[in-house]
Amino acid sequence: MTSSECDLDDDPHLAVAGLESVLSMAEGRAITTGWGAAAYSLLPPGSYTFPAGHHVVYTGLDSAPGTFLRLGQGKAERYDAPAGGIIVKPAHLEARLNLSEARESAIVVYPDSSLKELARQQFGTEQVELKPPPLGTLDHTALRVGQLLKAELAKEQRAPELHVEHLIAILGVHILHAYTSPDKEPQQLKGGLTRKAARTLEHFIRANFARKISVDELATLANLSPNHFIQAFSRTFGKSPHRYLLDLRLDHATRLLSEGDATITDVAYLSGFSSQSHLTAAMKKHRGTTPTRFRSAI
């Protein structure tokens, strides 16, 4: 990656546009779901503004040398963007993107409430902050999701909203894990875990969810009896330790299934399930689908 600085405001041809205008200028389609909006676009050369107000994840589906990006009020930086290059724009910042040539792009827009809900499900707290990655960051997961969005949105018939909604949620979970740091500790509630215990348990479970974890092991980490631990954990995270662990495993399995490389048996193993049938039963009960149906849908 090469990098230099320039001021995009020096460009007399700068087209400052809202998100709707950006999409209307492109060849592509967009769809709005309960989690957010997604678009596949062939953006022509030019300048685009993504205004503050919503979180935006922009993934280039092909390479784009000589790209300029400015986040917030700083100077724009020049870099050579690879296929799969990702831009993560927090809601409180404006982003200005300048393309020197046409680029296939997948754009996903999340209302703040959607990312907060995904964060609550993932981390037990809504208090997370997006950390934009360095310019030129290649994100294989975002590229794969972007390619799947392209496949759905480029169809002649209307893309099934449920399929796109799943992809938006999968990408949102990935973004939260890859580009946030839940720096703020979970809220300490009466009858719940201490902040220190909650953070310790959260990090431990996320690092070990693919193996068998017992309540006794977690209770020991929290320095509580098993019964007291279950009550305190549920009070703090809004779900039982078993359900918290199960949701982590299902989220990981969903991400692996969306990438399409591993067999379902391998996905089950890598996600902490004892067998393919165990994963299938859990997905059917808690996500309303099966690994085979989910994979065929995307």
Protein backbone atom coordinates (compact mmCIF):
# COMPACT_ATOMS: atom_id res chain seq x y z
CA MET A 1 0.00 0.00 0.00
CA THR A 2 1.23 3.46 -0.81
CA SER A 3 -0.02 6.42 1.16
CA SER A 4 0.07 10.18 0.85
CA GLU A 5 -2.17 13.05 1.85
CA CYS A 6 -4.27 15.54 -0.04
CA ASP A 7 -7.29 17.69 0.68
CA LEU A 8 -10.36 16.52 -1.21
CA ASP A 9 -11.86 19.98 -0.85
CA ASP A 10 -9.22 21.16 -3.34
CA ASP A 11 -11.02 19.17 -6.05
CA PRO A 12 -13.45 21.57 -7.81
CA HIS A 13 -15.39 18.59 -9.19
CA LEU A 14 -16.12 17.10 -5.76
CA ALA A 15 -19.70 15.80 -5.69
CA VAL A 16 -20.92 15.92 -2.11
CA ALA A 17 -23.86 13.55 -1.90
CA GLY A 18 -25.88 11.73 0.68
CA LEU A 19 -25.97 7.98 0.70
CA GLU A 20 -29.12 7.83 -1.40
CA SER A 21 -27.45 10.01 -4.02
CA VAL A 22 -24.35 7.82 -4.00
CA LEU A 23 -26.45 4.75 -4.73
CA SER A 24 -28.59 6.52 -7.32
CA MET A 25 -25.45 7.50 -9.23
CA ALA A 26 -24.29 3.89 -9.38
CA GLU A 27 -25.30 0.88 -11.41
CA GLY A 28 -26.66 -1.46 -8.79
CA ARG A 29 -29.47 -2.35 -6.44
CA ALA A 30 -30.19 -1.83 -2.77
CA ILE A 31 -32.47 -3.48 -0.25
CA THR A 32 -33.53 -2.49 3.26
CA THR A 33 -34.03 -5.08 6.02
CA GLY A 34 -34.61 -5.13 9.74
CA TRP A 35 -30.87 -5.03 10.46
CA GLY A 36 -29.94 -2.37 7.94
CA ALA A 37 -29.58 -1.66 4.23
CA ALA A 38 -27.28 -3.30 1.68
CA ALA A 39 -26.33 -2.31 -1.84
CA TYR A 40 -24.26 -3.76 -4.63
CA SER A 41 -23.03 -1.01 -6.93
CA LEU A 42 -20.65 -0.35 -9.76
CA LEU A 43 -19.42 3.04 -8.63
CA PRO A 44 -18.04 5.14 -11.49
CA PRO A 45 -14.91 7.26 -10.96
CA GLY A 46 -15.62 10.25 -8.77
CA SER A 47 -16.10 11.42 -5.20
CA TYR A 48 -18.71 10.15 -2.77
CA THR A 49 -19.76 11.26 0.69
CA PHE A 50 -21.13 8.92 3.34
CA PRO A 51 -22.67 11.31 5.87
CA ALA A 52 -22.64 10.94 9.63
CA GLY A 53 -25.68 9.38 11.25
CA HIS A 54 -25.27 5.68 10.43
CA HIS A 55 -22.52 3.09 10.54
CA VAL A 56 -21.27 2.16 7.07
CA VAL A 57 -19.23 -0.85 5.96
CA TYR A 58 -17.84 -0.42 2.45
CA THR A 59 -16.11 -3.36 0.75
CA GLY A 60 -14.45 -3.11 -2.63
CA LEU A 61 -14.97 -6.26 -4.68
CA ASP A 62 -12.05 -5.51 -6.99
CA SER A 63 -8.82 -3.57 -6.61
CA ALA A 64 -8.74 0.22 -6.85
CA PRO A 65 -5.32 1.88 -7.09
CA GLY A 66 -5.13 5.57 -6.31
CA THR A 67 -8.07 5.64 -3.91
CA PHE A 68 -8.48 8.59 -1.54
CA LEU A 69 -10.35 8.41 1.76
CA ARG A 70 -11.03 10.97 4.44
CA LEU A 71 -12.68 10.09 7.75
CA GLY A 72 -13.97 12.96 9.84
CA GLN A 73 -12.19 16.30 9.60
CA GLY A 74 -8.70 15.00 8.88
CA LYS A 75 -6.77 15.03 5.62
CA ALA A 76 -7.63 12.54 2.89
CA GLU A 77 -5.06 9.78 2.40
CA ARG A 78 -4.17 8.07 -0.84
CA TYR A 79 -3.75 4.30 -0.93
CA ASP A 80 -4.00 1.35 -3.30
CA ALA A 81 -7.11 -0.55 -2.25
CA PRO A 82 -7.08 -4.33 -2.78
CA ALA A 83 -10.07 -6.51 -3.66
CA GLY A 84 -11.63 -7.08 -0.26
CA GLY A 85 -10.35 -3.75 1.02
CA ILE A 86 -12.72 -2.58 3.74
CA ILE A 87 -13.76 0.80 5.08
CA VAL A 88 -15.54 0.91 8.44
CA LYS A 89 -17.20 4.28 9.10
CA PRO A 90 -18.60 4.89 12.60
CA ALA A 91 -21.89 6.75 12.80
CA HIS A 92 -20.40 9.89 14.32
CA LEU A 93 -18.02 10.46 11.41
CA GLU A 94 -18.47 11.49 7.80
CA ALA A 95 -16.44 9.68 5.15
CA ARG A 96 -15.38 11.00 1.74
CA LEU A 97 -14.27 8.46 -0.82
CA ASN A 98 -12.63 9.29 -4.16
CA LEU A 99 -12.27 6.59 -6.81
CA SER A 100 -9.93 7.07 -9.77
CA GLU A 101 -11.65 4.27 -11.70
CA ALA A 102 -14.93 2.34 -11.61
CA ARG A 103 -15.16 -0.14 -8.77
CA GLU A 104 -17.55 -2.94 -7.84
CA SER A 105 -18.64 -2.20 -4.30
CA ALA A 106 -20.76 -3.70 -1.55
CA ILE A 107 -22.14 -1.13 0.88
CA VAL A 108 -23.94 -2.00 4.10
CA VAL A 109 -25.50 0.66 6.31
CA TYR A 110 -26.39 -0.08 9.94
CA PRO A 111 -28.56 2.12 12.16
CA ASP A 112 -26.88 2.60 15.51
CA SER A 113 -29.69 0.63 17.18
CA SER A 114 -28.95 -2.42 15.03
CA LEU A 115 -25.25 -2.57 15.89
CA LYS A 116 -26.06 -2.00 19.54
CA GLU A 117 -28.45 -4.94 19.51
CA LEU A 118 -25.89 -7.16 17.79
CA ALA A 119 -23.29 -6.02 20.34
CA ARG A 120 -25.64 -6.83 23.22
CA GLN A 121 -26.16 -10.31 21.81
CA GLN A 122 -22.43 -10.84 21.28
CA PHE A 123 -20.82 -9.08 24.23
CA GLY A 124 -23.58 -8.63 26.78
CA THR A 125 -23.18 -4.86 26.48
CA GLU A 126 -24.10 -2.20 23.94
CA GLN A 127 -21.10 -0.09 24.94
CA VAL A 128 -18.71 -0.85 22.08
CA GLU A 129 -16.87 1.53 19.80
CA LEU A 130 -16.03 0.92 16.15
CA LYS A 131 -12.30 1.19 15.42
CA PRO A 132 -11.76 1.86 11.69
CA PRO A 133 -8.96 -0.40 10.40
CA PRO A 134 -5.89 1.00 8.62
CA LEU A 135 -6.38 2.00 4.99
CA GLY A 136 -5.83 -0.90 2.63
CA THR A 137 -6.91 -3.54 5.17
CA LEU A 138 -7.91 -6.74 3.35
CA ASP A 139 -10.87 -8.49 5.00
CA HIS A 140 -11.61 -11.92 3.51
CA THR A 141 -14.87 -12.35 5.43
CA ALA A 142 -16.20 -8.97 4.30
CA LEU A 143 -15.17 -9.82 0.72
CA ARG A 144 -17.05 -13.12 0.85
CA VAL A 145 -20.17 -11.46 2.25
CA GLY A 146 -19.87 -8.72 -0.37
CA GLN A 147 -19.68 -11.32 -3.12
CA LEU A 148 -22.77 -13.06 -1.74
CA LEU A 149 -24.62 -9.74 -1.59
CA LYS A 150 -23.65 -9.11 -5.20
CA ALA A 151 -25.02 -12.52 -6.18
CA GLU A 152 -28.33 -11.74 -4.49
CA LEU A 153 -28.72 -8.11 -5.52
CA ALA A 154 -27.55 -8.56 -9.11
CA LYS A 155 -30.32 -11.05 -9.86
CA GLU A 156 -33.03 -10.01 -12.28
CA GLN A 157 -35.75 -10.93 -9.80
CA ARG A 158 -36.05 -9.19 -6.45
CA ALA A 159 -33.55 -10.53 -3.94
CA PRO A 160 -35.16 -12.44 -1.04
CA GLU A 161 -35.08 -10.01 1.87
CA LEU A 162 -34.48 -12.76 4.45
CA HIS A 163 -31.31 -13.93 2.68
CA VAL A 164 -29.92 -10.40 2.52
CA GLU A 165 -30.90 -9.78 6.13
CA HIS A 166 -28.91 -12.85 7.20
CA LEU A 167 -25.87 -11.58 5.33
CA ILE A 168 -26.17 -8.12 6.89
CA ALA A 169 -26.33 -9.68 10.37
CA ILE A 170 -23.38 -11.99 9.66
CA LEU A 171 -21.26 -9.06 8.49
CA GLY A 172 -22.34 -6.97 11.48
CA VAL A 173 -21.26 -9.68 13.91
CA HIS A 174 -17.94 -10.01 12.11
CA ILE A 175 -17.37 -6.25 12.20
CA LEU A 176 -18.10 -6.15 15.93
CA HIS A 177 -15.60 -8.92 16.61
CA ALA A 178 -12.92 -7.60 14.29
CA TYR A 179 -13.16 -3.81 14.62
CA THR A 180 -14.49 -2.99 18.07
CA SER A 181 -13.14 -3.25 21.55
CA PRO A 182 -15.72 -3.53 24.30
CA ASP A 183 -13.60 -1.24 26.44
CA LYS A 184 -16.40 -0.29 28.74
CA GLU A 185 -17.21 -2.95 31.28
CA PRO A 186 -20.66 -4.58 31.39
CA GLN A 187 -23.02 -2.74 33.68
CA GLN A 188 -22.88 -4.06 37.24
CA LEU A 189 -26.40 -4.89 38.37
CA LYS A 190 -27.62 -5.81 41.80
CA GLY A 191 -27.30 -9.56 42.14
CA GLY A 192 -25.04 -9.74 39.08
CA LEU A 193 -21.35 -10.30 38.54
CA THR A 194 -18.75 -7.73 39.43
CA ARG A 195 -17.36 -5.82 36.46
CA LYS A 196 -14.01 -7.56 36.83
CA ALA A 197 -15.61 -11.01 36.90
CA ALA A 198 -17.82 -10.20 33.90
CA ARG A 199 -14.85 -9.08 31.81
CA THR A 200 -12.78 -12.11 32.84
CA LEU A 201 -15.57 -14.52 31.96
CA GLU A 202 -16.37 -12.77 28.70
CA HIS A 203 -12.78 -12.99 27.46
CA PHE A 204 -12.40 -16.58 28.69
CA ILE A 205 -15.57 -17.84 26.99
CA ARG A 206 -14.76 -16.11 23.70
CA ALA A 207 -11.28 -17.64 23.70
CA ASN A 208 -12.50 -21.15 24.55
CA PHE A 209 -16.02 -21.49 23.13
CA ALA A 210 -14.99 -24.27 20.72
CA ARG A 211 -14.15 -26.66 23.56
CA LYS A 212 -16.25 -28.08 26.36
CA ILE A 213 -16.68 -25.58 29.19
CA SER A 214 -18.36 -26.56 32.44
CA VAL A 215 -20.40 -24.37 34.79
CA ASP A 216 -18.05 -25.39 37.60
CA GLU A 217 -15.06 -24.07 35.61
CA LEU A 218 -16.76 -20.74 35.02
CA ALA A 219 -18.01 -20.51 38.60
CA THR A 220 -14.47 -21.02 39.85
CA LEU A 221 -13.25 -18.15 37.67
CA ALA A 222 -15.93 -15.94 39.20
CA ASN A 223 -15.18 -17.23 42.71
CA LEU A 224 -18.84 -18.20 43.20
CA SER A 225 -20.79 -21.37 43.85
CA PRO A 226 -22.31 -22.90 40.68
CA ASN A 227 -25.88 -21.97 41.62
CA HIS A 228 -24.97 -18.41 42.59
CA PHE A 229 -22.85 -18.10 39.46
CA ILE A 230 -25.70 -19.08 37.10
CA GLN A 231 -28.00 -16.50 38.68
CA ALA A 232 -25.36 -13.74 38.64
CA PHE A 233 -24.28 -14.50 35.07
CA SER A 234 -27.86 -14.47 33.79
CA ARG A 235 -28.52 -11.19 35.58
CA THR A 236 -25.43 -9.58 34.02
CA PHE A 237 -25.61 -10.91 30.44
CA GLY A 238 -29.34 -11.35 30.04
CA LYS A 239 -29.08 -15.07 29.29
CA SER A 240 -27.87 -18.24 30.96
CA PRO A 241 -24.23 -19.36 30.59
CA HIS A 242 -25.43 -22.26 28.43
CA ARG A 243 -27.37 -19.99 26.06
CA TYR A 244 -24.56 -17.43 25.93
CA LEU A 245 -22.10 -20.16 24.89
CA LEU A 246 -24.57 -21.69 22.45
CA ASP A 247 -25.17 -18.34 20.74
CA LEU A 248 -21.42 -17.80 20.34
CA ARG A 249 -21.08 -21.23 18.75
CA LEU A 250 -24.02 -20.70 16.42
CA ASP A 251 -22.73 -17.29 15.35
CA HIS A 252 -19.31 -18.79 14.59
CA ALA A 253 -20.89 -21.69 12.69
CA THR A 254 -22.96 -19.25 10.65
CA ARG A 255 -19.87 -17.27 9.69
CA LEU A 256 -18.04 -20.43 8.62
CA LEU A 257 -21.02 -21.65 6.62
CA SER A 258 -21.24 -18.31 4.82
CA GLU A 259 -17.61 -18.62 3.72
CA GLY A 260 -18.51 -21.91 2.02
CA ASP A 261 -15.12 -23.65 2.32
CA ALA A 262 -15.47 -26.06 5.23
CA THR A 263 -17.73 -29.11 5.28
CA ILE A 264 -20.69 -28.98 7.65
CA THR A 265 -19.00 -31.63 9.80
CA ASP A 266 -15.89 -29.47 10.04
CA VAL A 267 -18.00 -26.39 10.79
CA ALA A 268 -19.65 -28.27 13.65
CA TYR A 269 -16.29 -29.33 15.06
CA LEU A 270 -14.69 -25.89 14.71
CA SER A 271 -17.69 -24.26 16.40
CA GLY A 272 -17.75 -26.50 19.47
CA PHE A 273 -20.55 -28.90 18.52
CA SER A 274 -20.07 -32.63 19.04
CA SER A 275 -21.35 -33.61 15.60
CA GLN A 276 -23.07 -32.40 12.45
CA SER A 277 -26.41 -33.59 13.83
CA HIS A 278 -25.81 -31.61 17.04
CA LEU A 279 -25.20 -28.43 15.03
CA THR A 280 -28.22 -29.12 12.82
CA ALA A 281 -30.53 -29.60 15.81
CA ALA A 282 -29.25 -26.43 17.51
CA MET A 283 -29.59 -24.28 14.37
CA LYS A 284 -33.07 -25.61 13.66
CA LYS A 285 -34.25 -24.94 17.21
CA HIS A 286 -32.66 -21.54 17.80
CA ARG A 287 -32.19 -20.05 14.29
CA GLY A 288 -35.12 -21.58 12.45
CA THR A 289 -32.98 -23.15 9.72
CA THR A 290 -30.42 -25.91 9.18
CA PRO A 291 -26.80 -25.72 7.99
CA THR A 292 -27.76 -27.19 4.63
CA ARG A 293 -30.68 -24.81 4.09
CA PHE A 294 -28.67 -21.82 5.28
CA ARG A 295 -25.78 -22.59 2.94
CA SER A 296 -28.05 -23.24 -0.04
CA ALA A 297 -29.85 -19.95 0.62
CA ILE A 298 -26.65 -17.95 0.20
